[in-house]
C-alpha atoms as a PDB file:
ATOM      1  CA  MET A   1       4.145  93.743 166.243  1.00  0.00           C
ATOM      2  CA  ASP A   2       2.083  96.714 165.009  1.00  0.00           C
ATOM      3  CA  SER A   3       3.476  99.991 166.305  1.00  0.00           C
ATOM      4  CA  ARG A   4       0.004 100.897 167.512  1.00  0.00           C
ATOM      5  CA  THR A   5       0.072  98.058 170.053  1.00  0.00           C
ATOM      6  CA  SER A   6       1.093  99.300 173.499  1.00  0.00           C
ATOM      7  CA  GLU A   7       4.590  98.289 174.557  1.00  0.00           C
ATOM      8  CA  ALA A   8       3.249  97.820 178.089  1.00  0.00           C
ATOM      9  CA  ALA A   9       0.890  95.188 176.761  1.00  0.00           C
ATOM     10  CA  VAL A  10       3.721  92.794 175.895  1.00  0.00           C
ATOM     11  CA  ARG A  11       4.809  92.634 179.559  1.00  0.00           C
ATOM     12  CA  THR A  12       1.443  92.150 181.289  1.00  0.00           C
ATOM     13  CA  PRO A  13       1.772  89.203 183.716  1.00  0.00           C
ATOM     14  CA  LEU A  14      -1.095  86.851 184.431  1.00  0.00           C
ATOM     15  CA  ARG A  15      -2.765  87.902 187.680  1.00  0.00           C
ATOM     16  CA  GLY A  16      -2.391  85.557 190.613  1.00  0.00           C
ATOM     17  CA  THR A  17      -6.133  85.962 191.245  1.00  0.00           C
ATOM     18  CA  ALA A  18      -7.111  84.525 187.849  1.00  0.00           C
ATOM     19  CA  THR A  19      -9.244  81.413 188.302  1.00  0.00           C
ATOM     20  CA  ASP A  20     -11.350  81.254 185.130  1.00  0.00           C
ATOM     21  CA  ALA A  21     -10.083  80.917 181.563  1.00  0.00           C
ATOM     22  CA  LEU A  22     -12.323  81.379 178.539  1.00  0.00           C
ATOM     23  CA  LYS A  23     -11.284  80.269 175.075  1.00  0.00           C
ATOM     24  CA  ILE A  24     -12.417  81.712 171.752  1.00  0.00           C
ATOM     25  CA  VAL A  25     -11.226  81.141 168.214  1.00  0.00           C
ATOM     26  CA  VAL A  26     -10.776  83.572 165.357  1.00  0.00           C
ATOM     27  CA  VAL A  27     -11.466  81.990 161.968  1.00  0.00           C
ATOM     28  CA  GLY A  28     -11.849  83.085 158.380  1.00  0.00           C
ATOM     29  CA  GLY A  29     -10.244  82.914 154.986  1.00  0.00           C
ATOM     30  CA  PHE A  30      -6.619  83.247 154.002  1.00  0.00           C
ATOM     31  CA  GLY A  31      -5.182  86.726 154.580  1.00  0.00           C
ATOM     32  CA  VAL A  32      -8.362  88.172 156.105  1.00  0.00           C
ATOM     33  CA  GLY A  33      -6.713  89.649 159.220  1.00  0.00           C
ATOM     34  CA  LYS A  34      -6.896  86.953 161.917  1.00  0.00           C
ATOM     35  CA  THR A  35      -3.246  87.209 162.963  1.00  0.00           C
ATOM     36  CA  THR A  36      -3.465  90.998 162.916  1.00  0.00           C
ATOM     37  CA  LEU A  37      -6.548  91.010 165.156  1.00  0.00           C
ATOM     38  CA  VAL A  38      -5.016  88.652 167.733  1.00  0.00           C
ATOM     39  CA  GLY A  39      -1.811  90.680 167.785  1.00  0.00           C
ATOM     40  CA  ALA A  40      -3.625  93.995 168.126  1.00  0.00           C
ATOM     41  CA  VAL A  41      -5.758  93.038 171.142  1.00  0.00           C
ATOM     42  CA  SER A  42      -3.456  90.693 173.056  1.00  0.00           C
ATOM     43  CA  GLU A  43      -2.029  92.063 176.306  1.00  0.00           C
ATOM     44  CA  ILE A  44       0.985  89.762 175.933  1.00  0.00           C
ATOM     45  CA  ARG A  45       3.350  89.380 173.034  1.00  0.00           C
ATOM     46  CA  PRO A  46       1.266  87.049 170.857  1.00  0.00           C
ATOM     47  CA  LEU A  47       2.521  83.626 169.915  1.00  0.00           C
ATOM     48  CA  SER A  48       2.481  83.443 166.148  1.00  0.00           C
ATOM     49  CA  THR A  49       3.313  80.490 163.918  1.00  0.00           C
ATOM     50  CA  GLU A  50       3.695  82.580 160.787  1.00  0.00           C
ATOM     51  CA  GLU A  51       6.211  81.421 158.216  1.00  0.00           C
ATOM     52  CA  ILE A  52       7.563  83.051 155.080  1.00  0.00           C
ATOM     53  CA  MET A  53       5.560  82.082 152.004  1.00  0.00           C
ATOM     54  CA  THR A  54       7.606  80.315 149.332  1.00  0.00           C
ATOM     55  CA  GLN A  55       7.241  79.507 145.667  1.00  0.00           C
ATOM     56  CA  ALA A  56       6.316  75.928 146.630  1.00  0.00           C
ATOM     57  CA  GLY A  57       3.222  77.236 148.405  1.00  0.00           C
ATOM     58  CA  ALA A  58       2.199  79.358 145.429  1.00  0.00           C
ATOM     59  CA  LYS A  59       0.762  76.234 143.805  1.00  0.00           C
ATOM     60  CA  VAL A  60      -1.704  75.644 146.657  1.00  0.00           C
ATOM     61  CA  ASP A  61      -2.336  79.098 148.199  1.00  0.00           C
ATOM     62  CA  ASP A  62      -4.370  81.565 146.141  1.00  0.00           C
ATOM     63  CA  ILE A  63      -2.751  84.941 146.805  1.00  0.00           C
ATOM     64  CA  GLY A  64      -4.369  86.698 143.865  1.00  0.00           C
ATOM     65  CA  LYS A  65      -6.214  89.206 146.044  1.00  0.00           C
ATOM     66  CA  VAL A  66      -3.654  89.434 148.845  1.00  0.00           C
ATOM     67  CA  ARG A  67      -0.469  89.927 146.820  1.00  0.00           C
ATOM     68  CA  SER A  68       1.187  91.997 149.554  1.00  0.00           C
ATOM     69  CA  LYS A  69       1.025  89.038 151.965  1.00  0.00           C
ATOM     70  CA  SER A  70       4.463  87.477 152.506  1.00  0.00           C
ATOM     71  CA  THR A  71       3.821  85.249 155.551  1.00  0.00           C
ATOM     72  CA  THR A  72       1.178  82.719 156.495  1.00  0.00           C
ATOM     73  CA  THR A  73      -0.018  81.025 159.694  1.00  0.00           C
ATOM     74  CA  VAL A  74       0.801  77.319 159.705  1.00  0.00           C
ATOM     75  CA  ALA A  75      -0.636  76.253 163.077  1.00  0.00           C
ATOM     76  CA  PHE A  76      -2.350  78.975 165.120  1.00  0.00           C
ATOM     77  CA  ASP A  77      -1.909  82.393 166.728  1.00  0.00           C
ATOM     78  CA  PHE A  78      -2.323  82.825 170.469  1.00  0.00           C
ATOM     79  CA  GLY A  79      -3.044  85.860 172.617  1.00  0.00           C
ATOM     80  CA  ARG A  80      -4.514  86.738 176.004  1.00  0.00           C
ATOM     81  CA  ILE A  81      -6.778  89.429 177.454  1.00  0.00           C
ATOM     82  CA  THR A  82      -7.622  89.953 181.125  1.00  0.00           C
ATOM     83  CA  ILE A  83     -11.344  90.604 181.576  1.00  0.00           C
ATOM     84  CA  ASN A  84     -11.293  91.109 185.350  1.00  0.00           C
ATOM     85  CA  ALA A  85      -9.357  89.940 188.416  1.00  0.00           C
ATOM     86  CA  GLU A  86     -10.649  86.362 188.064  1.00  0.00           C
ATOM     87  CA  THR A  87     -11.221  85.886 184.331  1.00  0.00           C
ATOM     88  CA  VAL A  88      -8.909  85.799 181.334  1.00  0.00           C
ATOM     89  CA  LEU A  89      -9.764  85.326 177.680  1.00  0.00           C
ATOM     90  CA  TYR A  90      -7.493  83.193 175.520  1.00  0.00           C
ATOM     91  CA  LEU A  91      -7.548  83.872 171.779  1.00  0.00           C
ATOM     92  CA  PHE A  92      -6.654  81.279 169.161  1.00  0.00           C
ATOM     93  CA  GLY A  93      -6.341  82.417 165.564  1.00  0.00           C
ATOM     94  CA  ALA A  94      -6.880  79.569 163.096  1.00  0.00           C
ATOM     95  CA  PRO A  95      -4.899  79.198 159.859  1.00  0.00           C
ATOM     96  CA  GLY A  96      -6.839  80.280 156.803  1.00  0.00           C
ATOM     97  CA  GLN A  97      -5.473  78.075 154.035  1.00  0.00           C
ATOM     98  CA  GLU A  98      -7.453  74.998 153.089  1.00  0.00           C
ATOM     99  CA  ARG A  99      -4.445  72.709 153.586  1.00  0.00           C
ATOM    100  CA  PHE A 100      -4.441  73.587 157.314  1.00  0.00           C
ATOM    101  CA  TRP A 101      -8.194  73.317 157.947  1.00  0.00           C
ATOM    102  CA  PHE A 102      -7.701  69.913 159.576  1.00  0.00           C
ATOM    103  CA  LEU A 103      -6.414  71.821 162.630  1.00  0.00           C
ATOM    104  CA  TRP A 104      -9.690  73.675 163.141  1.00  0.00           C
ATOM    105  CA  ASP A 105     -11.540  70.911 164.997  1.00  0.00           C
ATOM    106  CA  GLN A 106      -8.748  70.755 167.582  1.00  0.00           C
ATOM    107  CA  LEU A 107      -8.848  74.527 168.018  1.00  0.00           C
ATOM    108  CA  PHE A 108     -12.640  74.425 168.434  1.00  0.00           C
ATOM    109  CA  ALA A 109     -12.379  71.961 171.335  1.00  0.00           C
ATOM    110  CA  GLY A 110     -13.260  73.733 174.566  1.00  0.00           C
ATOM    111  CA  SER A 111     -14.081  77.033 172.859  1.00  0.00           C
ATOM    112  CA  LEU A 112     -17.075  79.059 174.013  1.00  0.00           C
ATOM    113  CA  GLY A 113     -17.476  80.951 170.768  1.00  0.00           C
ATOM    114  CA  ALA A 114     -15.798  82.338 167.696  1.00  0.00           C
ATOM    115  CA  VAL A 115     -15.161  85.407 165.598  1.00  0.00           C
ATOM    116  CA  VAL A 116     -15.476  84.988 161.835  1.00  0.00           C
ATOM    117  CA  MET A 117     -13.266  87.536 160.077  1.00  0.00           C
ATOM    118  CA  VAL A 118     -14.622  88.609 156.701  1.00  0.00           C
ATOM    119  CA  ASP A 119     -12.976  90.377 153.778  1.00  0.00           C
ATOM    120  CA  THR A 120     -15.685  91.774 151.483  1.00  0.00           C
ATOM    121  CA  ARG A 121     -13.409  91.261 148.473  1.00  0.00           C
ATOM    122  CA  ARG A 122     -13.594  87.504 149.096  1.00  0.00           C
ATOM    123  CA  LEU A 123     -16.851  86.731 150.863  1.00  0.00           C
ATOM    124  CA  GLU A 124     -16.851  83.174 149.556  1.00  0.00           C
ATOM    125  CA  ASP A 125     -13.769  82.474 151.696  1.00  0.00           C
ATOM    126  CA  SER A 126     -15.983  82.848 154.791  1.00  0.00           C
ATOM    127  CA  TRP A 127     -18.429  80.082 153.934  1.00  0.00           C
ATOM    128  CA  TYR A 128     -16.276  77.197 155.175  1.00  0.00           C
ATOM    129  CA  ALA A 129     -15.697  78.872 158.554  1.00  0.00           C
ATOM    130  CA  ILE A 130     -19.408  79.531 159.008  1.00  0.00           C
ATOM    131  CA  ASP A 131     -20.313  75.986 157.946  1.00  0.00           C
ATOM    132  CA  ARG A 132     -17.857  74.452 160.422  1.00  0.00           C
ATOM    133  CA  LEU A 133     -19.067  76.610 163.302  1.00  0.00           C
ATOM    134  CA  GLU A 134     -22.696  75.764 162.555  1.00  0.00           C
ATOM    135  CA  HIS A 135     -21.739  72.078 162.359  1.00  0.00           C
ATOM    136  CA  HIS A 136     -20.177  72.308 165.821  1.00  0.00           C
ATOM    137  CA  GLY A 137     -23.105  74.342 167.164  1.00  0.00           C
ATOM    138  CA  MET A 138     -20.684  77.047 168.262  1.00  0.00           C
ATOM    139  CA  PRO A 139     -21.959  80.618 168.718  1.00  0.00           C
ATOM    140  CA  PHE A 140     -20.152  83.227 166.652  1.00  0.00           C
ATOM    141  CA  VAL A 141     -20.122  86.837 165.541  1.00  0.00           C
ATOM    142  CA  VAL A 142     -18.988  88.190 162.189  1.00  0.00           C
ATOM    143  CA  ALA A 143     -16.363  90.939 162.005  1.00  0.00           C
ATOM    144  CA  VAL A 144     -16.065  92.696 158.640  1.00  0.00           C
ATOM    145  CA  ASN A 145     -12.479  93.865 158.304  1.00  0.00           C
ATOM    146  CA  ARG A 146     -12.559  97.223 156.544  1.00  0.00           C
ATOM    147  CA  PHE A 147      -9.581  98.226 154.438  1.00  0.00           C
ATOM    148  CA  ASP A 148      -8.402 101.758 153.752  1.00  0.00           C
ATOM    149  CA  GLY A 149      -9.772 103.516 150.715  1.00  0.00           C
ATOM    150  CA  MET A 150     -12.046 100.722 149.581  1.00  0.00           C
ATOM    151  CA  ARG A 151     -15.714 101.097 148.774  1.00  0.00           C
ATOM    152  CA  GLN A 152     -17.380  98.137 150.431  1.00  0.00           C
ATOM    153  CA  PRO A 153     -20.893  96.796 150.961  1.00  0.00           C
ATOM    154  CA  GLY A 154     -22.686  97.565 154.231  1.00  0.00           C
ATOM    155  CA  LEU A 155     -23.221  95.050 157.002  1.00  0.00           C
ATOM    156  CA  GLU A 156     -26.726  94.113 155.909  1.00  0.00           C
ATOM    157  CA  GLN A 157     -25.514  93.492 152.371  1.00  0.00           C
ATOM    158  CA  VAL A 158     -22.807  91.229 153.770  1.00  0.00           C
ATOM    159  CA  ARG A 159     -25.380  89.455 155.945  1.00  0.00           C
ATOM    160  CA  GLU A 160     -27.542  88.797 152.889  1.00  0.00           C
ATOM    161  CA  ALA A 161     -24.592  87.602 150.800  1.00  0.00           C
ATOM    162  CA  LEU A 162     -23.557  85.159 153.542  1.00  0.00           C
ATOM    163  CA  ASN A 163     -27.176  84.127 154.176  1.00  0.00           C
ATOM    164  CA  LEU A 164     -26.834  84.802 157.904  1.00  0.00           C
ATOM    165  CA  PRO A 165     -29.871  84.943 160.192  1.00  0.00           C
ATOM    166  CA  GLY A 166     -30.642  88.213 161.915  1.00  0.00           C
ATOM    167  CA  ASP A 167     -29.677  86.976 165.382  1.00  0.00           C
ATOM    168  CA  ILE A 168     -25.988  86.618 164.510  1.00  0.00           C
ATOM    169  CA  PRO A 169     -24.220  89.865 165.472  1.00  0.00           C
ATOM    170  CA  MET A 170     -22.120  91.644 162.859  1.00  0.00           C
ATOM    171  CA  VAL A 171     -19.659  94.460 163.422  1.00  0.00           C
ATOM    172  CA  ASP A 172     -17.312  96.584 161.320  1.00  0.00           C
ATOM    173  CA  CYS A 173     -13.692  96.544 162.416  1.00  0.00           C
ATOM    174  CA  ASP A 174     -10.157  97.493 161.541  1.00  0.00           C
ATOM    175  CA  ALA A 175      -8.102  94.486 162.661  1.00  0.00           C
ATOM    176  CA  ARG A 176      -5.012  96.660 163.048  1.00  0.00           C
ATOM    177  CA  LEU A 177      -6.513  98.782 165.815  1.00  0.00           C
ATOM    178  CA  ARG A 178      -6.661  97.564 169.414  1.00  0.00           C
ATOM    179  CA  ALA A 179      -9.865  99.464 170.253  1.00  0.00           C
ATOM    180  CA  SER A 180     -11.611  98.096 167.182  1.00  0.00           C
ATOM    181  CA  GLY A 181     -10.543  94.527 167.951  1.00  0.00           C
ATOM    182  CA  LYS A 182     -11.698  94.876 171.553  1.00  0.00           C
ATOM    183  CA  LEU A 183     -15.124  95.964 170.311  1.00  0.00           C
ATOM    184  CA  VAL A 184     -15.330  92.747 168.275  1.00  0.00           C
ATOM    185  CA  LEU A 185     -14.558  90.670 171.376  1.00  0.00           C
ATOM    186  CA  ILE A 186     -17.018  92.646 173.508  1.00  0.00           C
ATOM    187  CA  THR A 187     -19.680  91.950 170.863  1.00  0.00           C
ATOM    188  CA  LEU A 188     -18.932  88.218 171.101  1.00  0.00           C
ATOM    189  CA  VAL A 189     -18.965  88.170 174.918  1.00  0.00           C
ATOM    190  CA  ARG A 190     -22.299  90.007 174.971  1.00  0.00           C
ATOM    191  CA  HIS A 191     -23.687  87.553 172.420  1.00  0.00           C
ATOM    192  CA  LEU A 192     -22.550  84.598 174.528  1.00  0.00           C
ATOM    193  CA  THR A 193     -24.070  86.187 177.643  1.00  0.00           C
ATOM    194  CA  ARG A 194     -27.428  86.676 175.919  1.00  0.00           C
ATOM    195  CA  LEU A 195     -27.433  83.086 174.725  1.00  0.00           C
ATOM    196  CA  SER A 196     -26.643  81.805 178.210  1.00  0.00           C
ATOM    197  CA  GLU A 197     -29.551  83.778 179.645  1.00  0.00           C
ATOM    198  CA  THR A 198     -32.044  82.638 177.006  1.00  0.00           C
ATOM    199  CA  PRO A 199     -34.337  79.848 178.246  1.00  0.00           C
ATOM    200  CA  LYS A 200     -33.732  76.574 176.423  1.00  0.00           C
END
């Protein structure tokens, strides 16, 4: 777990008053920061299905632009955030490699919305996630994971490159930081609230 994650967070029990559970998914390309985001914001020790990458996987996983990555998610990541006394938010991080995409439809089931994590070095890796969410009619926001010391395009340039309409919220983030990850989730919850209040 990242040292910046509060130790108290790993021991937070589920409140006995909790009656409502909301589910969201975090999707995106391989190595974009999904596991990191879930781990940073979760108030419990996150469940992670990361495994050590091996030479056998090198033939199917393109690690050219994420050479420092040594583990990979093979099922999903899971975390939890308490919103208030009655409501909790469950986070499911989807695996990014193409060979595990078959799991995405199961993770989407029952989800209210999604976060698409984007790495500006590999914008094309985001297209599948966006296509699947649009296919399912699931609301989503886009979180651009900013990396240290890199000159990167602005949000509107990313929006244009991904051909996203103006009503889809976008936000900069650093997936390693709890406060930044919480802002991403707040952006999604606000987006979902606006959609629910919009006349059909």
